[in-house]
C-alpha atoms as a PDB file:
ATOM      1  CA  MET A   1     -79.174  57.901   1.107  1.00  0.00           C
ATOM      2  CA  THR A   2     -76.334  56.511   3.822  1.00  0.00           C
ATOM      3  CA  PRO A   3     -73.985  59.702   4.678  1.00  0.00           C
ATOM      4  CA  ILE A   4     -70.378  58.815   3.917  1.00  0.00           C
ATOM      5  CA  ARG A   5     -68.383  59.337   6.785  1.00  0.00           C
ATOM      6  CA  ARG A   6     -64.608  60.483   6.321  1.00  0.00           C
ATOM      7  CA  GLN A   7     -62.061  58.741   7.565  1.00  0.00           C
ATOM      8  CA  PRO A   8     -59.326  60.634   9.499  1.00  0.00           C
ATOM      9  CA  GLU A   9     -56.318  61.952   7.673  1.00  0.00           C
ATOM     10  CA  VAL A  10     -53.357  59.634   8.223  1.00  0.00           C
ATOM     11  CA  SER A  11     -49.688  61.252   7.168  1.00  0.00           C
ATOM     12  CA  ASN A  12     -48.351  59.229   4.467  1.00  0.00           C
ATOM     13  CA  SER A  13     -44.932  60.573   5.067  1.00  0.00           C
ATOM     14  CA  GLU A  14     -42.914  57.636   7.217  1.00  0.00           C
ATOM     15  CA  GLN A  15     -40.455  60.783   7.961  1.00  0.00           C
ATOM     16  CA  GLU A  16     -43.551  62.740  10.271  1.00  0.00           C
ATOM     17  CA  PHE A  17     -44.278  58.777  11.714  1.00  0.00           C
ATOM     18  CA  LEU A  18     -40.896  58.349  13.147  1.00  0.00           C
ATOM     19  CA  ALA A  19     -40.992  62.407  14.253  1.00  0.00           C
ATOM     20  CA  GLY A  20     -43.678  61.520  16.494  1.00  0.00           C
ATOM     21  CA  TYR A  21     -42.893  58.061  17.476  1.00  0.00           C
ATOM     22  CA  ASP A  22     -42.299  57.381  21.149  1.00  0.00           C
ATOM     23  CA  SER A  23     -39.946  54.454  21.546  1.00  0.00           C
ATOM     24  CA  SER A  24     -40.059  54.658  25.190  1.00  0.00           C
ATOM     25  CA  ARG A  25     -44.042  53.120  25.094  1.00  0.00           C
ATOM     26  CA  PHE A  26     -41.677  49.417  25.401  1.00  0.00           C
ATOM     27  CA  PRO A  27     -39.121  48.447  27.407  1.00  0.00           C
ATOM     28  CA  ARG A  28     -35.895  48.012  25.369  1.00  0.00           C
ATOM     29  CA  PRO A  29     -34.076  44.654  27.043  1.00  0.00           C
ATOM     30  CA  SER A  30     -30.045  44.414  26.360  1.00  0.00           C
ATOM     31  CA  VAL A  31     -28.821  42.290  23.893  1.00  0.00           C
ATOM     32  CA  ALA A  32     -25.266  40.380  24.345  1.00  0.00           C
ATOM     33  CA  VAL A  33     -23.277  37.852  22.694  1.00  0.00           C
ATOM     34  CA  ASP A  34     -21.781  34.458  24.119  1.00  0.00           C
ATOM     35  CA  LEU A  35     -19.346  32.662  22.066  1.00  0.00           C
ATOM     36  CA  VAL A  36     -18.950  28.708  22.616  1.00  0.00           C
ATOM     37  CA  LEU A  37     -15.387  27.800  21.913  1.00  0.00           C
ATOM     38  CA  MET A  38     -15.074  23.807  21.399  1.00  0.00           C
ATOM     39  CA  THR A  39     -12.597  21.384  21.097  1.00  0.00           C
ATOM     40  CA  VAL A  40     -11.250  18.169  21.172  1.00  0.00           C
ATOM     41  CA  GLU A  41      -7.790  17.250  23.165  1.00  0.00           C
ATOM     42  CA  ASP A  42      -7.007  14.121  25.010  1.00  0.00           C
ATOM     43  CA  GLY A  43     -10.365  12.385  23.978  1.00  0.00           C
ATOM     44  CA  THR A  44     -12.285  14.746  25.684  1.00  0.00           C
ATOM     45  CA  LEU A  45     -15.047  17.713  24.431  1.00  0.00           C
ATOM     46  CA  ARG A  46     -13.522  20.939  25.971  1.00  0.00           C
ATOM     47  CA  VAL A  47     -14.938  24.675  26.129  1.00  0.00           C
ATOM     48  CA  LEU A  48     -12.986  27.433  26.876  1.00  0.00           C
ATOM     49  CA  LEU A  49     -14.319  29.757  29.359  1.00  0.00           C
ATOM     50  CA  LEU A  50     -13.159  32.952  31.365  1.00  0.00           C
ATOM     51  CA  GLN A  51     -13.468  33.781  35.371  1.00  0.00           C
ATOM     52  CA  ARG A  52     -15.580  36.383  35.937  1.00  0.00           C
ATOM     53  CA  GLN A  53     -13.527  39.616  37.743  1.00  0.00           C
ATOM     54  CA  GLU A  54     -16.749  41.532  38.470  1.00  0.00           C
ATOM     55  CA  HIS A  55     -20.290  40.680  39.915  1.00  0.00           C
ATOM     56  CA  PRO A  56     -22.710  39.455  39.446  1.00  0.00           C
ATOM     57  CA  ALA A  57     -21.344  36.022  39.512  1.00  0.00           C
ATOM     58  CA  ARG A  58     -17.995  36.950  40.220  1.00  0.00           C
ATOM     59  CA  GLY A  59     -15.351  34.276  40.754  1.00  0.00           C
ATOM     60  CA  GLN A  60     -17.627  32.188  38.120  1.00  0.00           C
ATOM     61  CA  TRP A  61     -16.906  31.056  35.389  1.00  0.00           C
ATOM     62  CA  ALA A  62     -18.882  31.907  32.238  1.00  0.00           C
ATOM     63  CA  LEU A  63     -18.040  31.527  28.395  1.00  0.00           C
ATOM     64  CA  PRO A  64     -16.677  34.536  26.878  1.00  0.00           C
ATOM     65  CA  GLY A  65     -19.449  37.669  26.073  1.00  0.00           C
ATOM     66  CA  GLY A  66     -20.116  41.042  26.241  1.00  0.00           C
ATOM     67  CA  PHE A  67     -22.928  43.606  25.426  1.00  0.00           C
ATOM     68  CA  VAL A  68     -24.009  44.352  21.570  1.00  0.00           C
ATOM     69  CA  GLY A  69     -23.438  48.232  20.932  1.00  0.00           C
ATOM     70  CA  ILE A  70     -26.476  50.393  19.710  1.00  0.00           C
ATOM     71  CA  ASP A  71     -24.861  50.745  16.306  1.00  0.00           C
ATOM     72  CA  GLU A  72     -23.270  47.387  16.142  1.00  0.00           C
ATOM     73  CA  SER A  73     -24.163  44.368  14.265  1.00  0.00           C
ATOM     74  CA  LEU A  74     -24.686  40.859  16.049  1.00  0.00           C
ATOM     75  CA  ASP A  75     -22.008  38.924  13.857  1.00  0.00           C
ATOM     76  CA  GLY A  76     -19.376  42.810  14.572  1.00  0.00           C
ATOM     77  CA  ALA A  77     -20.238  42.136  18.526  1.00  0.00           C
ATOM     78  CA  ALA A  78     -18.955  38.233  18.484  1.00  0.00           C
ATOM     79  CA  ARG A  79     -15.799  39.047  16.741  1.00  0.00           C
ATOM     80  CA  ARG A  80     -14.859  42.246  19.105  1.00  0.00           C
ATOM     81  CA  VAL A  81     -15.426  39.738  21.873  1.00  0.00           C
ATOM     82  CA  LEU A  82     -13.305  37.079  19.840  1.00  0.00           C
ATOM     83  CA  THR A  83     -10.598  39.454  19.258  1.00  0.00           C
ATOM     84  CA  GLY A  84     -10.791  40.906  22.656  1.00  0.00           C
ATOM     85  CA  LYS A  85     -11.407  38.782  25.243  1.00  0.00           C
ATOM     86  CA  VAL A  86      -9.914  35.406  23.822  1.00  0.00           C
ATOM     87  CA  ARG A  87      -6.994  37.101  21.775  1.00  0.00           C
ATOM     88  CA  LEU A  88      -8.237  35.100  18.605  1.00  0.00           C
ATOM     89  CA  SER A  89      -9.042  36.256  14.757  1.00  0.00           C
ATOM     90  CA  ASP A  90      -9.979  34.643  11.720  1.00  0.00           C
ATOM     91  CA  LEU A  91     -12.107  31.938  13.673  1.00  0.00           C
ATOM     92  CA  PHE A  92     -15.287  31.116  11.797  1.00  0.00           C
ATOM     93  CA  VAL A  93     -18.249  31.045  14.160  1.00  0.00           C
ATOM     94  CA  GLU A  94     -22.171  30.777  13.739  1.00  0.00           C
ATOM     95  CA  GLN A  95     -25.144  31.723  15.193  1.00  0.00           C
ATOM     96  CA  LEU A  96     -26.399  28.636  17.710  1.00  0.00           C
ATOM     97  CA  TYR A  97     -29.332  29.567  19.410  1.00  0.00           C
ATOM     98  CA  THR A  98     -31.114  32.885  21.282  1.00  0.00           C
ATOM     99  CA  PHE A  99     -31.266  32.520  25.094  1.00  0.00           C
ATOM    100  CA  GLY A 100     -33.621  35.156  26.551  1.00  0.00           C
ATOM    101  CA  GLU A 101     -35.640  33.815  29.556  1.00  0.00           C
ATOM    102  CA  PRO A 102     -36.515  36.495  32.041  1.00  0.00           C
ATOM    103  CA  GLY A 103     -34.045  36.311  34.959  1.00  0.00           C
ATOM    104  CA  ARG A 104     -31.459  34.888  33.420  1.00  0.00           C
ATOM    105  CA  ASP A 105     -29.028  38.049  34.508  1.00  0.00           C
ATOM    106  CA  ALA A 106     -29.544  39.809  37.606  1.00  0.00           C
ATOM    107  CA  ARG A 107     -28.346  43.101  36.331  1.00  0.00           C
ATOM    108  CA  THR A 108     -31.924  43.745  33.935  1.00  0.00           C
ATOM    109  CA  ARG A 109     -33.222  42.044  31.052  1.00  0.00           C
ATOM    110  CA  VAL A 110     -31.172  40.595  28.710  1.00  0.00           C
ATOM    111  CA  ILE A 111     -31.430  38.502  25.684  1.00  0.00           C
ATOM    112  CA  SER A 112     -28.016  36.680  24.148  1.00  0.00           C
ATOM    113  CA  VAL A 113     -26.806  35.426  21.219  1.00  0.00           C
ATOM    114  CA  ALA A 114     -24.892  32.424  21.282  1.00  0.00           C
ATOM    115  CA  TYR A 115     -22.912  31.909  18.950  1.00  0.00           C
ATOM    116  CA  PHE A 116     -20.534  28.288  17.955  1.00  0.00           C
ATOM    117  CA  ALA A 117     -17.331  27.442  16.734  1.00  0.00           C
ATOM    118  CA  LEU A 118     -15.039  24.460  16.717  1.00  0.00           C
ATOM    119  CA  VAL A 119     -11.477  25.145  17.077  1.00  0.00           C
ATOM    120  CA  SER A 120      -8.159  23.185  17.274  1.00  0.00           C
ATOM    121  CA  ALA A 121      -6.700  22.456  21.256  1.00  0.00           C
ATOM    122  CA  GLY A 122      -4.002  24.105  19.761  1.00  0.00           C
ATOM    123  CA  THR A 123      -5.417  27.120  18.936  1.00  0.00           C
ATOM    124  CA  LEU A 124      -7.129  27.547  22.007  1.00  0.00           C
ATOM    125  CA  ARG A 125      -4.190  26.424  24.239  1.00  0.00           C
ATOM    126  CA  ALA A 126      -2.306  29.474  22.351  1.00  0.00           C
ATOM    127  CA  ALA A 127      -5.304  31.921  23.686  1.00  0.00           C
ATOM    128  CA  LEU A 128      -4.599  30.664  26.964  1.00  0.00           C
ATOM    129  CA  LYS A 129      -1.200  31.860  27.201  1.00  0.00           C
ATOM    130  CA  SER A 130      -2.566  35.417  25.973  1.00  0.00           C
ATOM    131  CA  GLU A 131      -2.365  38.667  27.578  1.00  0.00           C
ATOM    132  CA  ALA A 132      -6.375  38.336  28.326  1.00  0.00           C
ATOM    133  CA  LYS A 133      -8.006  40.473  31.122  1.00  0.00           C
ATOM    134  CA  GLU A 134      -9.904  37.683  32.952  1.00  0.00           C
ATOM    135  CA  PRO A 135      -8.627  34.048  33.446  1.00  0.00           C
ATOM    136  CA  LEU A 136      -9.127  31.587  30.963  1.00  0.00           C
ATOM    137  CA  THR A 137      -9.122  27.828  31.246  1.00  0.00           C
ATOM    138  CA  LEU A 138      -9.982  25.243  28.622  1.00  0.00           C
ATOM    139  CA  ALA A 139     -12.435  23.020  30.862  1.00  0.00           C
ATOM    140  CA  THR A 140     -13.836  19.763  30.265  1.00  0.00           C
ATOM    141  CA  ILE A 141     -17.658  18.851  29.400  1.00  0.00           C
ATOM    142  CA  HIS A 142     -19.661  16.552  31.265  1.00  0.00           C
ATOM    143  CA  THR A 143     -23.101  15.961  29.607  1.00  0.00           C
ATOM    144  CA  PRO A 144     -25.380  13.836  32.505  1.00  0.00           C
ATOM    145  CA  TRP A 145     -27.756  12.842  29.566  1.00  0.00           C
ATOM    146  CA  GLU A 146     -27.506  10.417  26.736  1.00  0.00           C
ATOM    147  CA  GLY A 147     -27.871  11.228  22.512  1.00  0.00           C
ATOM    148  CA  GLU A 148     -29.851  14.108  21.744  1.00  0.00           C
ATOM    149  CA  ARG A 149     -32.197  14.431  24.831  1.00  0.00           C
ATOM    150  CA  GLY A 150     -30.794  17.933  25.929  1.00  0.00           C
ATOM    151  CA  GLY A 151     -30.443  19.707  29.288  1.00  0.00           C
ATOM    152  CA  ALA A 152     -27.404  21.802  31.232  1.00  0.00           C
ATOM    153  CA  VAL A 153     -23.761  19.859  31.193  1.00  0.00           C
ATOM    154  CA  GLU A 154     -21.408  20.302  33.809  1.00  0.00           C
ATOM    155  CA  VAL A 155     -17.541  21.252  33.589  1.00  0.00           C
ATOM    156  CA  ARG A 156     -14.479  20.542  35.542  1.00  0.00           C
ATOM    157  CA  ASN A 157     -10.687  21.773  35.941  1.00  0.00           C
ATOM    158  CA  GLY A 158      -7.835  19.414  34.922  1.00  0.00           C
ATOM    159  CA  THR A 159      -8.128  18.196  38.417  1.00  0.00           C
ATOM    160  CA  GLY A 160     -11.457  16.958  38.192  1.00  0.00           C
ATOM    161  CA  ALA A 161     -12.995  19.655  40.166  1.00  0.00           C
ATOM    162  CA  ARG A 162     -16.975  20.779  38.926  1.00  0.00           C
ATOM    163  CA  LEU A 163     -16.283  24.481  37.999  1.00  0.00           C
ATOM    164  CA  ALA A 164     -19.471  26.837  38.827  1.00  0.00           C
ATOM    165  CA  LEU A 165     -20.913  28.270  35.746  1.00  0.00           C
ATOM    166  CA  ALA A 166     -22.409  32.149  35.780  1.00  0.00           C
ATOM    167  CA  PHE A 167     -26.294  32.531  34.153  1.00  0.00           C
ATOM    168  CA  ASP A 168     -27.500  29.946  32.091  1.00  0.00           C
ATOM    169  CA  HIS A 169     -24.310  29.213  30.644  1.00  0.00           C
ATOM    170  CA  ALA A 170     -24.914  25.083  31.696  1.00  0.00           C
ATOM    171  CA  GLU A 171     -27.839  25.359  29.449  1.00  0.00           C
ATOM    172  CA  ILE A 172     -26.114  27.043  26.680  1.00  0.00           C
ATOM    173  CA  LEU A 173     -23.306  24.331  26.705  1.00  0.00           C
ATOM    174  CA  GLY A 174     -26.400  22.020  26.677  1.00  0.00           C
ATOM    175  CA  VAL A 175     -27.675  23.278  23.630  1.00  0.00           C
ATOM    176  CA  ALA A 176     -24.201  23.137  21.893  1.00  0.00           C
ATOM    177  CA  VAL A 177     -23.432  19.626  22.411  1.00  0.00           C
ATOM    178  CA  LYS A 178     -26.516  18.563  21.658  1.00  0.00           C
ATOM    179  CA  ARG A 179     -26.545  20.557  18.165  1.00  0.00           C
ATOM    180  CA  LEU A 180     -22.690  19.126  17.581  1.00  0.00           C
ATOM    181  CA  ARG A 181     -24.118  15.665  18.503  1.00  0.00           C
ATOM    182  CA  GLY A 182     -26.706  16.223  15.748  1.00  0.00           C
ATOM    183  CA  ARG A 183     -24.636  17.332  13.132  1.00  0.00           C
ATOM    184  CA  LEU A 184     -22.261  14.575  13.675  1.00  0.00           C
ATOM    185  CA  LYS A 185     -24.998  12.336  11.461  1.00  0.00           C
ATOM    186  CA  TYR A 186     -25.091  14.427   8.383  1.00  0.00           C
ATOM    187  CA  SER A 187     -22.210  16.695   8.489  1.00  0.00           C
ATOM    188  CA  PRO A 188     -18.128  16.535   7.832  1.00  0.00           C
ATOM    189  CA  ILE A 189     -17.777  18.467  11.235  1.00  0.00           C
ATOM    190  CA  ALA A 190     -15.326  16.569  13.090  1.00  0.00           C
ATOM    191  CA  TYR A 191     -12.747  16.604  10.072  1.00  0.00           C
ATOM    192  CA  GLN A 192     -12.668  20.380  11.931  1.00  0.00           C
ATOM    193  CA  LEU A 193     -10.413  18.883  14.493  1.00  0.00           C
ATOM    194  CA  LEU A 194      -8.064  17.072  12.689  1.00  0.00           C
ATOM    195  CA  ALA A 195      -4.972  17.711  10.913  1.00  0.00           C
ATOM    196  CA  ARG A 196      -4.935  17.268   7.489  1.00  0.00           C
ATOM    197  CA  GLU A 197      -4.118  13.670   7.361  1.00  0.00           C
ATOM    198  CA  PHE A 198      -5.111  11.475   9.947  1.00  0.00           C
ATOM    199  CA  THR A 199      -5.970   8.183  11.556  1.00  0.00           C
ATOM    200  CA  LEU A 200      -9.231   6.249  11.136  1.00  0.00           C
ATOM    201  CA  ARG A 201      -8.440   6.279  14.840  1.00  0.00           C
ATOM    202  CA  MET A 202      -7.691   9.752  15.852  1.00  0.00           C
ATOM    203  CA  LEU A 203     -11.309   9.992  13.920  1.00  0.00           C
ATOM    204  CA  GLN A 204     -13.159   7.441  15.731  1.00  0.00           C
ATOM    205  CA  MET A 205     -11.464   9.549  19.762  1.00  0.00           C
ATOM    206  CA  VAL A 206     -13.179  12.827  18.042  1.00  0.00           C
ATOM    207  CA  HIS A 207     -16.578  10.915  17.680  1.00  0.00           C
ATOM    208  CA  GLU A 208     -16.145   9.404  21.028  1.00  0.00           C
ATOM    209  CA  ALA A 209     -15.305  12.476  22.707  1.00  0.00           C
ATOM    210  CA  ILE A 210     -17.979  14.369  21.412  1.00  0.00           C
ATOM    211  CA  LEU A 211     -20.609  11.680  21.979  1.00  0.00           C
ATOM    212  CA  ALA A 212     -19.422  10.515  25.535  1.00  0.00           C
ATOM    213  CA  LYS A 213     -19.471   6.841  24.556  1.00  0.00           C
ATOM    214  CA  SER A 214     -16.830   4.020  22.796  1.00  0.00           C
ATOM    215  CA  LEU A 215     -17.840   3.283  19.894  1.00  0.00           C
ATOM    216  CA  ASN A 216     -17.286  -0.643  17.854  1.00  0.00           C
ATOM    217  CA  LYS A 217     -13.695  -0.104  16.123  1.00  0.00           C
ATOM    218  CA  ASP A 218     -14.909  -2.385  13.421  1.00  0.00           C
ATOM    219  CA  ALA A 219     -18.266  -1.123  12.642  1.00  0.00           C
ATOM    220  CA  PHE A 220     -17.366   2.749  12.849  1.00  0.00           C
ATOM    221  CA  ARG A 221     -14.435   1.873  10.243  1.00  0.00           C
ATOM    222  CA  ARG A 222     -16.774   0.066   8.053  1.00  0.00           C
ATOM    223  CA  ARG A 223     -19.435   3.126   8.244  1.00  0.00           C
ATOM    224  CA  VAL A 224     -16.547   5.732   7.830  1.00  0.00           C
ATOM    225  CA  LEU A 225     -15.427   3.947   4.509  1.00  0.00           C
ATOM    226  CA  GLY A 226     -18.774   2.899   3.129  1.00  0.00           C
ATOM    227  CA  LEU A 227     -19.524   6.827   3.376  1.00  0.00           C
ATOM    228  CA  GLY A 228     -16.473   7.631   1.103  1.00  0.00           C
ATOM    229  CA  GLU A 229     -15.387  10.146   3.131  1.00  0.00           C
ATOM    230  CA  VAL A 230     -12.184   9.404   3.361  1.00  0.00           C
ATOM    231  CA  GLU A 231      -9.523   8.422   1.175  1.00  0.00           C
ATOM    232  CA  ALA A 232      -6.159   6.471   2.024  1.00  0.00           C
ATOM    233  CA  THR A 233      -3.106   8.536   1.524  1.00  0.00           C
ATOM    234  CA  GLY A 234      -0.599   5.761   0.808  1.00  0.00           C
ATOM    235  CA  ARG A 235       1.388   6.473   4.056  1.00  0.00           C
ATOM    236  CA  LEU A 236       1.949   5.232   7.523  1.00  0.00           C
ATOM    237  CA  GLU A 237       1.839   7.897  10.967  1.00  0.00           C
ATOM    238  CA  SER A 238       5.751   8.661  12.178  1.00  0.00           C
ATOM    239  CA  ASP A 239       6.869   9.065  15.183  1.00  0.00           C
ATOM    240  CA  VAL A 240       4.512   6.459  17.334  1.00  0.00           C
ATOM    241  CA  ASP A 241       5.809   3.776  19.661  1.00  0.00           C
ATOM    242  CA  HIS A 242       3.487   1.134  18.460  1.00  0.00           C
ATOM    243  CA  ARG A 243       2.614  -0.318  15.158  1.00  0.00           C
ATOM    244  CA  PRO A 244       2.181   2.733  12.693  1.00  0.00           C
ATOM    245  CA  ALA A 245      -1.204   3.118  10.998  1.00  0.00           C
ATOM    246  CA  GLU A 246      -2.117   3.965   7.572  1.00  0.00           C
ATOM    247  CA  LEU A 247      -3.175   7.949   6.899  1.00  0.00           C
ATOM    248  CA  TYR A 248      -5.989   9.078   5.272  1.00  0.00           C
ATOM    249  CA  ARG A 249      -7.473  12.636   4.305  1.00  0.00           C
ATOM    250  CA  HIS A 250     -10.964  13.671   4.136  1.00  0.00           C
ATOM    251  CA  CYS A 251     -12.427  13.909   0.818  1.00  0.00           C
ATOM    252  CA  PRO A 252     -15.523  16.290   0.753  1.00  0.00           C
ATOM    253  CA  VAL A 253     -18.268  14.245  -1.163  1.00  0.00           C
ATOM    254  CA  THR A 254     -20.559  15.737  -3.740  1.00  0.00           C
ATOM    255  CA  ASN A 255     -23.626  15.049  -5.160  1.00  0.00           C
ATOM    256  CA  GLU A 256     -23.309  15.500  -8.740  1.00  0.00           C
END
């Protein structure tokens, strides 16, 4: 007979396992969150940035962000940064992407979870006037690529001067623009940047700002009306120095 080999005894107690677990065997990267807060203003796509006051990248512009506390959730950290650094609350932000390229931060190994939100220009302009600890600006985004090809983007101030972006935030913004352009095809995301009532021209301007290209007026109008996403209000815009255009409102399409 072949002798039966006894397996070494293994504790079935998770408590005993955790008591003897050595977490120092594995390096611990830091985790951060960054907020991409975008809007459309004066026919251009813009993003809220702050100017760093400390090293590394002191003086450069960055997305509002911060490190995640050891007992803090990712969503909780995003809310804390939103209220603490931007002085905004009650905004719905969603996870965009996780960025973890080694060397993206000179301090240590940092993995950043980026959050994204489309915000009205008025709301972000109000944030600029708040008592934030770091200077804020609403910079214009310029994409050196077309469509959804992706890649880093540039940001410029009100005079057209290029702003230096910290860390890999040019790449983060590029992913946000790519995602936003893609969502225009299948979601009503553009309506988040419009008032409750709007003209078709206003809607077209939002699309053109996001896509960074001009659209044919007639073709755009046919497409929007054909989708059934808008309905006429029967009213005209007021207080304009041109012929008043018809006002529309968004009516979500159901699959029922």
